[in-house]
Amino acid sequence: MELFVADLIERFYTALWPFLRIGAMLIAVPVLSIEAVSVRIRVLLTLALTLMIYPMIEWPTIDPVSAEGLAEIVNQILIGVLMGFFLQIVTAAVVVGGQAIANAMGLSMATMVDPGLGTVPLMSQFLLILATLIFLGVGGHMLVIGILLRSFETFPVGVAFIGEANFGALIEWSAMIFLGGVLLALPVMVALLLVNTGVGVITRAAPSLNIFAVGFPVFFLTGYAVLILSMAGIGARIQWLWMEGIERLKDFVLVPGVF
């Protein structure tokens, strides 16, 4: 009986580390981090992935209440959260792009409540739904789970710790929030800039014209027309953002800046 209890405690000590990293990433990663996905589903998925990876790797036995164990708990949670943040940057870029399109079309006041991001413009919500479908369509969830499980080999428990190079890689990638947003919104913004210029010329030629009565429908219809025509390009850019984010995530868990 004592041997059984000792073996059970040892297995708990070893299974705790993959559980912490996987659980932390599932809390931070897009799609699964929204409130619509209940805590019960996340815990069950974390347990399933932990049971999947547990027999494949030799896990160190570290007492979680010791100083070394507490440091390792923080380290595993940090690794999981930062892995999720690499993909959250893509969703942030999509939100910024939707905000830019909404502002250009005069729809900045049209907002919706997103379960994961709070109140966002209607256009951002539309692009987020599109981005989620593209992510699932290209098998991004399977790629991310594969990278997560592989990270226990390249970023082993008790050996690899978060370092300056890891945070530097995340900060460098975070610039894509603004660059990616501009790339998504560029077709609509350029078209509406030209329309704005034309409306300005018309206003100078006919000062008595009610620019608010004429301008808003023109911006609205032109914006939607350009958005529909450029949907293929926007979808391709969103897919590129996801693939680039997954590549950055892969580089993150393989980065040599660990000690």
Protein backbone atom coordinates (compact mmCIF):
# COMPACT_ATOMS: atom_id res chain seq x y z
CA MET A 1 0.00 0.00 0.00
CA GLU A 2 2.82 2.38 0.90
CA LEU A 3 4.55 1.59 -2.39
CA PHE A 4 1.32 2.36 -4.26
CA VAL A 5 0.92 5.70 -2.48
CA ALA A 6 4.57 6.60 -3.10
CA ASP A 7 4.23 5.70 -6.79
CA LEU A 8 1.02 7.73 -7.03
CA ILE A 9 2.71 10.77 -5.47
CA GLU A 10 5.68 10.44 -7.82
CA ARG A 11 3.39 10.26 -10.85
CA PHE A 12 1.56 13.34 -9.63
CA TYR A 13 4.84 15.23 -9.26
CA THR A 14 5.90 14.30 -12.79
CA ALA A 15 2.50 14.82 -14.49
CA LEU A 16 2.11 18.27 -12.92
CA TRP A 17 4.64 19.90 -15.27
CA PRO A 18 3.06 19.04 -18.64
CA PHE A 19 -0.36 19.81 -17.14
CA LEU A 20 0.75 23.32 -16.16
CA ARG A 21 2.31 24.18 -19.53
CA ILE A 22 -0.58 22.76 -21.57
CA GLY A 23 -3.21 24.38 -19.35
CA ALA A 24 -1.50 27.78 -19.46
CA MET A 25 -1.32 27.69 -23.25
CA LEU A 26 -4.96 26.67 -23.64
CA ILE A 27 -5.92 29.65 -21.48
CA ALA A 28 -3.98 32.08 -23.70
CA VAL A 29 -4.28 30.58 -27.20
CA PRO A 30 -6.95 32.00 -29.57
CA VAL A 31 -10.24 30.12 -30.15
CA LEU A 32 -9.95 28.12 -26.90
CA SER A 33 -9.38 31.17 -24.68
CA ILE A 34 -12.81 32.74 -25.28
CA GLU A 35 -15.49 32.59 -22.59
CA ALA A 36 -17.70 30.47 -24.86
CA VAL A 37 -15.30 27.56 -24.20
CA SER A 38 -16.03 26.56 -20.61
CA VAL A 39 -13.39 25.84 -17.99
CA ARG A 40 -14.55 22.22 -17.88
CA ILE A 41 -13.76 21.72 -21.57
CA ARG A 42 -10.30 23.29 -21.17
CA VAL A 43 -9.50 21.12 -18.15
CA LEU A 44 -10.65 17.96 -19.95
CA LEU A 45 -8.60 18.88 -23.04
CA THR A 46 -5.58 19.62 -20.84
CA LEU A 47 -5.92 16.24 -19.11
CA ALA A 48 -6.28 14.46 -22.46
CA LEU A 49 -3.15 16.10 -23.89
CA THR A 50 -1.24 15.45 -20.66
CA LEU A 51 -2.14 11.75 -20.76
CA MET A 52 -1.11 11.68 -24.42
CA ILE A 53 2.36 13.14 -23.86
CA TYR A 54 3.07 11.63 -20.41
CA PRO A 55 4.27 8.13 -21.52
CA MET A 56 6.49 9.55 -24.28
CA ILE A 57 8.99 11.50 -22.17
CA GLU A 58 11.06 10.84 -19.07
CA TRP A 59 9.86 13.47 -16.59
CA PRO A 60 11.99 14.81 -13.72
CA THR A 61 10.70 14.38 -10.18
CA ILE A 62 10.66 17.83 -8.60
CA ASP A 63 8.92 18.63 -5.33
CA PRO A 64 6.44 21.41 -6.27
CA VAL A 65 6.55 22.95 -2.78
CA SER A 66 10.33 23.35 -2.80
CA ALA A 67 12.11 26.46 -4.07
CA GLU A 68 13.12 24.63 -7.25
CA GLY A 69 9.56 23.38 -7.71
CA LEU A 70 8.00 26.83 -7.28
CA ALA A 71 10.44 28.27 -9.82
CA GLU A 72 9.55 25.47 -12.24
CA ILE A 73 5.82 26.10 -11.76
CA VAL A 74 6.28 29.76 -12.71
CA ASN A 75 8.51 28.75 -15.61
CA GLN A 76 6.01 26.25 -17.07
CA ILE A 77 3.11 28.70 -16.77
CA LEU A 78 5.21 31.42 -18.43
CA ILE A 79 6.15 29.11 -21.31
CA GLY A 80 2.52 28.15 -21.93
CA VAL A 81 1.20 31.71 -21.71
CA LEU A 82 3.90 33.13 -23.99
CA MET A 83 3.22 30.40 -26.55
CA GLY A 84 -0.43 31.45 -26.58
CA PHE A 85 0.50 35.13 -26.89
CA PHE A 86 2.32 34.46 -30.16
CA LEU A 87 -1.03 33.58 -31.73
CA GLN A 88 -3.02 36.19 -29.82
CA ILE A 89 -0.94 38.79 -31.66
CA VAL A 90 -2.56 37.60 -34.90
CA THR A 91 -6.06 38.12 -33.50
CA ALA A 92 -5.00 41.56 -32.23
CA ALA A 93 -3.82 42.45 -35.76
CA VAL A 94 -7.20 41.36 -37.14
CA VAL A 95 -9.00 43.56 -34.60
CA VAL A 96 -6.79 46.55 -35.49
CA GLY A 97 -7.47 45.97 -39.20
CA GLY A 98 -11.22 45.81 -38.59
CA GLN A 99 -11.04 48.99 -36.50
CA ALA A 100 -9.21 50.80 -39.31
CA ILE A 101 -11.79 49.66 -41.89
CA ALA A 102 -14.68 50.65 -39.61
CA ASN A 103 -13.20 54.11 -38.99
CA ALA A 104 -12.68 54.68 -42.72
CA MET A 105 -16.28 53.64 -43.52
CA GLY A 106 -17.81 55.64 -40.68
CA LEU A 107 -18.86 52.53 -38.75
CA SER A 108 -16.70 53.01 -35.67
CA MET A 109 -19.82 53.36 -33.48
CA ALA A 110 -21.23 50.01 -34.66
CA THR A 111 -19.84 47.62 -32.05
CA MET A 112 -20.45 44.11 -30.76
CA VAL A 113 -19.45 42.29 -27.59
CA ASP A 114 -16.82 39.65 -28.31
CA PRO A 115 -16.57 36.82 -25.70
CA GLY A 116 -12.79 37.01 -25.68
CA LEU A 117 -11.92 40.63 -26.47
CA GLY A 118 -14.82 42.66 -25.06
CA THR A 119 -16.44 45.39 -27.14
CA VAL A 120 -15.02 45.50 -30.67
CA PRO A 121 -16.24 47.17 -33.89
CA LEU A 122 -18.66 45.18 -36.02
CA MET A 123 -16.09 44.95 -38.80
CA SER A 124 -13.49 43.55 -36.38
CA GLN A 125 -15.96 40.91 -35.24
CA PHE A 126 -16.60 39.92 -38.86
CA LEU A 127 -12.86 39.61 -39.56
CA LEU A 128 -12.35 37.64 -36.32
CA ILE A 129 -14.96 35.10 -37.38
CA LEU A 130 -13.27 34.87 -40.78
CA ALA A 131 -9.84 34.50 -39.14
CA THR A 132 -11.14 31.73 -36.84
CA LEU A 133 -12.59 29.79 -39.78
CA ILE A 134 -9.32 30.18 -41.72
CA PHE A 135 -7.31 29.03 -38.68
CA LEU A 136 -9.43 25.89 -38.31
CA GLY A 137 -9.59 25.37 -42.08
CA VAL A 138 -5.81 25.24 -42.53
CA GLY A 139 -5.48 22.90 -39.54
CA GLY A 140 -3.89 25.52 -37.32
CA HIS A 141 -5.25 23.91 -34.17
CA MET A 142 -3.55 20.61 -35.02
CA LEU A 143 -0.28 22.37 -35.83
CA VAL A 144 -0.37 24.26 -32.52
CA ILE A 145 -1.09 21.10 -30.51
CA GLY A 146 1.78 19.35 -32.32
CA ILE A 147 4.18 22.21 -31.52
CA LEU A 148 2.99 22.22 -27.91
CA LEU A 149 3.67 18.51 -27.45
CA ARG A 150 6.98 18.78 -29.29
CA SER A 151 8.03 21.65 -27.02
CA PHE A 152 8.55 19.18 -24.15
CA GLU A 153 11.44 17.69 -26.13
CA THR A 154 13.02 20.94 -27.31
CA PHE A 155 12.13 22.92 -24.18
CA PRO A 156 12.48 20.20 -21.51
CA VAL A 157 11.09 20.50 -18.01
CA GLY A 158 13.69 21.31 -15.38
CA VAL A 159 16.36 22.17 -17.96
CA ALA A 160 15.11 25.00 -20.19
CA PHE A 161 14.06 28.28 -18.62
CA ILE A 162 12.54 31.40 -20.12
CA GLY A 163 15.31 33.83 -21.02
CA GLU A 164 15.81 37.27 -22.52
CA ALA A 165 15.87 35.89 -26.07
CA ASN A 166 12.38 34.43 -25.60
CA PHE A 167 10.86 37.71 -24.48
CA GLY A 168 12.77 39.51 -27.24
CA ALA A 169 11.24 37.20 -29.86
CA LEU A 170 7.73 37.94 -28.56
CA ILE A 171 8.30 41.71 -28.47
CA GLU A 172 9.70 41.64 -32.01
CA TRP A 173 6.68 39.70 -33.26
CA SER A 174 4.26 42.07 -31.48
CA ALA A 175 5.06 44.74 -34.11
CA MET A 176 2.82 42.68 -36.41
CA ILE A 177 -0.22 43.93 -34.49
CA PHE A 178 -0.01 47.26 -36.31
CA LEU A 179 1.66 46.07 -39.52
CA GLY A 180 -0.81 43.22 -39.96
CA GLY A 181 -3.76 45.50 -39.26
CA VAL A 182 -2.60 47.97 -41.91
CA LEU A 183 -2.06 45.13 -44.42
CA LEU A 184 -5.64 43.94 -43.91
CA ALA A 185 -7.23 47.39 -44.09
CA LEU A 186 -5.05 48.87 -46.85
CA PRO A 187 -7.36 48.22 -49.86
CA VAL A 188 -10.39 49.81 -48.20
CA MET A 189 -8.38 52.69 -46.70
CA VAL A 190 -6.79 53.61 -50.06
CA ALA A 191 -10.13 53.44 -51.90
CA LEU A 192 -11.88 55.59 -49.30
CA LEU A 193 -9.00 58.07 -49.31
CA LEU A 194 -9.60 58.59 -53.03
CA VAL A 195 -13.35 58.93 -52.39
CA ASN A 196 -12.63 61.46 -49.64
CA THR A 197 -10.52 63.47 -52.07
CA GLY A 198 -13.30 63.38 -54.66
CA VAL A 199 -15.93 64.47 -52.14
CA GLY A 200 -13.66 67.31 -51.05
CA VAL A 201 -13.38 68.53 -54.66
CA ILE A 202 -17.16 68.33 -55.07
CA THR A 203 -17.66 70.30 -51.86
CA ARG A 204 -15.37 73.06 -53.13
CA ALA A 205 -17.25 73.16 -56.44
CA ALA A 206 -20.71 73.13 -54.82
CA PRO A 207 -20.52 74.67 -51.31
CA SER A 208 -24.30 74.46 -50.87
CA LEU A 209 -24.22 70.65 -51.12
CA ASN A 210 -24.97 68.85 -47.83
CA ILE A 211 -21.78 66.86 -47.55
CA PHE A 212 -23.02 64.79 -44.58
CA ALA A 213 -26.13 63.63 -46.47
CA VAL A 214 -24.11 62.71 -49.55
CA GLY A 215 -20.74 61.69 -48.12
CA PHE A 216 -21.79 59.00 -45.61
CA PRO A 217 -23.73 56.83 -48.11
CA VAL A 218 -20.87 57.17 -50.60
CA PHE A 219 -18.25 56.09 -48.01
CA PHE A 220 -20.48 53.27 -46.79
CA LEU A 221 -21.30 51.80 -50.22
CA THR A 222 -17.79 52.28 -51.60
CA GLY A 223 -16.26 50.68 -48.52
CA TYR A 224 -18.51 47.64 -48.75
CA ALA A 225 -17.92 47.29 -52.49
CA VAL A 226 -14.14 47.41 -52.07
CA LEU A 227 -14.34 45.07 -49.07
CA ILE A 228 -16.27 42.48 -51.09
CA LEU A 229 -13.87 42.75 -54.03
CA SER A 230 -10.81 42.43 -51.78
CA MET A 231 -12.09 39.57 -49.59
CA ALA A 232 -9.88 37.02 -51.35
CA GLY A 233 -6.80 39.14 -50.69
CA ILE A 234 -7.81 39.80 -47.07
CA GLY A 235 -8.36 36.07 -46.51
CA ALA A 236 -4.93 35.32 -47.98
CA ARG A 237 -3.31 37.91 -45.71
CA ILE A 238 -5.06 36.46 -42.64
CA GLN A 239 -3.84 32.98 -43.59
CA TRP A 240 -0.32 34.36 -44.01
CA LEU A 241 -0.53 35.94 -40.55
CA TRP A 242 -1.58 32.62 -39.00
CA MET A 243 1.18 30.70 -40.76
CA GLU A 244 3.76 33.31 -39.78
CA GLY A 245 2.53 33.23 -36.19
CA ILE A 246 2.83 29.44 -36.10
CA GLU A 247 6.36 29.67 -37.53
CA ARG A 248 7.29 32.24 -34.85
CA LEU A 249 5.83 29.93 -32.22
CA LYS A 250 7.91 27.07 -33.59
CA ASP A 251 11.03 29.25 -33.46
CA PHE A 252 10.15 30.27 -29.91
CA VAL A 253 10.20 26.75 -28.49
CA LEU A 254 13.35 25.94 -30.50
CA VAL A 255 15.14 29.24 -29.82
CA PRO A 256 18.67 28.76 -28.40
CA GLY A 257 18.28 31.58 -25.87
CA VAL A 258 17.72 29.26 -22.92
CA PHE A 259 19.97 28.26 -20.09
